[in-house]
Each structure stands twice: as C-alpha cells, then as structure tokens.
Amino acid sequence: MVAQGAADLAAMMLSPYEHFEDPMAVARSENLTKEEKLSVLKSMEADARELEVAAEENMGGGEQHTLAAVRKAMRAVDPEAAARSAQVQTSKAT
C-alpha cells in the first residue's frame, strides 16, 4: 500500500467529499494507509458533527453523512480508534 503525498492527504482532509463518495469509500481505499484513512475519517466525523448541530438549529443543508456512517467506517479501519473517538465525544458532551 502506497502512502499519499502530504499535499494530497491535506486536500483530502480539507474536503473529503471531493475525493470520496462516502465514509466507507475511505475505508475501502487501497491507496491510503490505515493512519491516513483515520485522518480523513476524523475530518468527515468533524463535518458530520457540525452538520448535526446545524440541523438541530434548523440550519441544515448540503450532503450529509451521518455520524453513525462515519463511525462505522472508522470501525472497519480500526475498531480501537473508533472506540476512542466515541469516548472522547461522549466525555466532551458531559
């Protein structure tokens, strides 16, 4: 598996939906390392959280991949990392 260049990875993290159809497409990618997949998925996770907040405030719009879909993809890549991410979000919410 060949790692992406730093500029390519930065672009994927900044605008992940320009490079991937959905979170599982990241998980299935053969061109990214496990760490790169997690970085892109964490960016998608942040976007999904922002969209959920916007929807709660009646400011939704645009494509939306649910937080559940992103976390499912994260579990497919690395179950332990997905669990850590969910724990961090739970502790921030309380």
C-alpha atoms as a PDB file:
ATOM      1  CA  MET A   1       0.000   0.000   0.000  1.00  0.00           C
ATOM      2  CA  VAL A   2       1.491   3.338  -1.049  1.00  0.00           C
ATOM      3  CA  ALA A   3       1.059   6.349   1.216  1.00  0.00           C
ATOM      4  CA  GLN A   4      -0.335   9.533  -0.306  1.00  0.00           C
ATOM      5  CA  GLY A   5       1.769  12.673  -0.501  1.00  0.00           C
ATOM      6  CA  ALA A   6       1.346  15.232   2.264  1.00  0.00           C
ATOM      7  CA  ALA A   7      -0.354  17.710  -0.087  1.00  0.00           C
ATOM      8  CA  ASP A   8      -2.808  15.065  -1.326  1.00  0.00           C
ATOM      9  CA  LEU A   9      -3.647  14.000   2.213  1.00  0.00           C
ATOM     10  CA  ALA A  10      -4.128  17.609   3.303  1.00  0.00           C
ATOM     11  CA  ALA A  11      -6.538  18.163   0.401  1.00  0.00           C
ATOM     12  CA  MET A  12      -8.457  15.002   1.302  1.00  0.00           C
ATOM     13  CA  MET A  13      -8.735  16.089   4.914  1.00  0.00           C
ATOM     14  CA  LEU A  14      -9.844  19.608   3.981  1.00  0.00           C
ATOM     15  CA  SER A  15     -12.513  18.480   1.511  1.00  0.00           C
ATOM     16  CA  PRO A  16     -13.022  14.737   1.964  1.00  0.00           C
ATOM     17  CA  TYR A  17     -16.256  14.590  -0.043  1.00  0.00           C
ATOM     18  CA  GLU A  18     -14.470  15.933  -3.119  1.00  0.00           C
ATOM     19  CA  HIS A  19     -12.309  12.799  -3.029  1.00  0.00           C
ATOM     20  CA  PHE A  20     -14.651  10.138  -1.626  1.00  0.00           C
ATOM     21  CA  GLU A  21     -18.318   9.372  -2.234  1.00  0.00           C
ATOM     22  CA  ASP A  22     -18.968   8.333   1.353  1.00  0.00           C
ATOM     23  CA  PRO A  23     -17.114   7.267   4.520  1.00  0.00           C
ATOM     24  CA  MET A  24     -16.958   3.588   3.521  1.00  0.00           C
ATOM     25  CA  ALA A  25     -15.159   4.588   0.315  1.00  0.00           C
ATOM     26  CA  VAL A  26     -12.348   5.857   2.546  1.00  0.00           C
ATOM     27  CA  ALA A  27     -12.316   2.582   4.477  1.00  0.00           C
ATOM     28  CA  ARG A  28     -12.153   0.597   1.219  1.00  0.00           C
ATOM     29  CA  SER A  29      -9.399   2.727  -0.333  1.00  0.00           C
ATOM     30  CA  GLU A  30      -6.331   0.756  -1.284  1.00  0.00           C
ATOM     31  CA  ASN A  31      -4.297   3.940  -1.789  1.00  0.00           C
ATOM     32  CA  LEU A  32      -4.283   5.101   1.826  1.00  0.00           C
ATOM     33  CA  THR A  33      -2.537   3.762   4.895  1.00  0.00           C
ATOM     34  CA  LYS A  34      -4.588   2.969   7.985  1.00  0.00           C
ATOM     35  CA  GLU A  35      -3.407   6.210   9.611  1.00  0.00           C
ATOM     36  CA  GLU A  36      -4.320   8.245   6.525  1.00  0.00           C
ATOM     37  CA  LYS A  37      -7.782   6.666   6.389  1.00  0.00           C
ATOM     38  CA  LEU A  38      -8.337   7.550  10.040  1.00  0.00           C
ATOM     39  CA  SER A  39      -7.205  11.131   9.439  1.00  0.00           C
ATOM     40  CA  VAL A  40      -9.660  11.562   6.566  1.00  0.00           C
ATOM     41  CA  LEU A  41     -12.445   9.883   8.548  1.00  0.00           C
ATOM     42  CA  LYS A  42     -11.788  12.157  11.533  1.00  0.00           C
ATOM     43  CA  SER A  43     -12.259  15.112   9.192  1.00  0.00           C
ATOM     44  CA  MET A  44     -15.540  13.586   7.999  1.00  0.00           C
ATOM     45  CA  GLU A  45     -16.518  12.997  11.631  1.00  0.00           C
ATOM     46  CA  ALA A  46     -15.980  16.674  12.440  1.00  0.00           C
ATOM     47  CA  ASP A  47     -18.056  17.667   9.403  1.00  0.00           C
ATOM     48  CA  ALA A  48     -20.850  15.282  10.427  1.00  0.00           C
ATOM     49  CA  ARG A  49     -20.897  16.705  13.964  1.00  0.00           C
ATOM     50  CA  GLU A  50     -21.107  20.257  12.601  1.00  0.00           C
ATOM     51  CA  LEU A  51     -23.960  19.269  10.284  1.00  0.00           C
ATOM     52  CA  GLU A  52     -25.835  17.657  13.184  1.00  0.00           C
ATOM     53  CA  VAL A  53     -25.534  20.855  15.218  1.00  0.00           C
ATOM     54  CA  ALA A  54     -26.678  22.918  12.236  1.00  0.00           C
ATOM     55  CA  ALA A  55     -29.660  20.615  11.725  1.00  0.00           C
ATOM     56  CA  GLU A  56     -30.602  20.976  15.392  1.00  0.00           C
ATOM     57  CA  GLU A  57     -30.601  24.734  14.874  1.00  0.00           C
ATOM     58  CA  ASN A  58     -32.675  24.435  11.668  1.00  0.00           C
ATOM     59  CA  MET A  59     -29.669  25.466   9.593  1.00  0.00           C
ATOM     60  CA  GLY A  60     -29.135  22.143   7.776  1.00  0.00           C
ATOM     61  CA  GLY A  61     -28.323  21.737   4.133  1.00  0.00           C
ATOM     62  CA  GLY A  62     -25.942  20.089   1.713  1.00  0.00           C
ATOM     63  CA  GLU A  63     -24.935  16.466   1.643  1.00  0.00           C
ATOM     64  CA  GLN A  64     -24.930  14.782   4.972  1.00  0.00           C
ATOM     65  CA  HIS A  65     -23.296  11.571   6.020  1.00  0.00           C
ATOM     66  CA  THR A  66     -24.384  10.733   9.490  1.00  0.00           C
ATOM     67  CA  LEU A  67     -22.022  10.408  12.362  1.00  0.00           C
ATOM     68  CA  ALA A  68     -23.063   6.750  12.543  1.00  0.00           C
ATOM     69  CA  ALA A  69     -21.892   6.148   8.958  1.00  0.00           C
ATOM     70  CA  VAL A  70     -18.540   7.764   9.669  1.00  0.00           C
ATOM     71  CA  ARG A  71     -18.052   5.765  12.861  1.00  0.00           C
ATOM     72  CA  LYS A  72     -18.981   2.553  11.043  1.00  0.00           C
ATOM     73  CA  ALA A  73     -16.228   3.270   8.516  1.00  0.00           C
ATOM     74  CA  MET A  74     -13.802   4.065  11.338  1.00  0.00           C
ATOM     75  CA  ARG A  75     -14.625   0.710  12.976  1.00  0.00           C
ATOM     76  CA  ALA A  76     -13.947  -1.018   9.657  1.00  0.00           C
ATOM     77  CA  VAL A  77     -10.490   0.575   9.549  1.00  0.00           C
ATOM     78  CA  ASP A  78      -9.567   0.333  13.238  1.00  0.00           C
ATOM     79  CA  PRO A  79     -12.088  -0.742  15.881  1.00  0.00           C
ATOM     80  CA  GLU A  80      -9.949   0.581  18.745  1.00  0.00           C
ATOM     81  CA  ALA A  81      -9.560   4.044  17.198  1.00  0.00           C
ATOM     82  CA  ALA A  82     -13.305   4.259  16.597  1.00  0.00           C
ATOM     83  CA  ALA A  83     -13.978   3.382  20.230  1.00  0.00           C
ATOM     84  CA  ARG A  84     -11.517   6.041  21.415  1.00  0.00           C
ATOM     85  CA  SER A  85     -13.155   8.650  19.176  1.00  0.00           C
ATOM     86  CA  ALA A  86     -16.608   7.807  20.518  1.00  0.00           C
ATOM     87  CA  GLN A  87     -15.329   8.003  24.115  1.00  0.00           C
ATOM     88  CA  VAL A  88     -13.782  11.436  23.504  1.00  0.00           C
ATOM     89  CA  GLN A  89     -17.054  12.741  22.079  1.00  0.00           C
ATOM     90  CA  THR A  90     -19.043  11.302  24.983  1.00  0.00           C
ATOM     91  CA  SER A  91     -16.765  12.939  27.541  1.00  0.00           C
ATOM     92  CA  LYS A  92     -16.972  16.303  25.715  1.00  0.00           C
ATOM     93  CA  ALA A  93     -20.767  16.152  25.729  1.00  0.00           C
ATOM     94  CA  THR A  94     -20.954  15.739  29.502  1.00  0.00           C
END
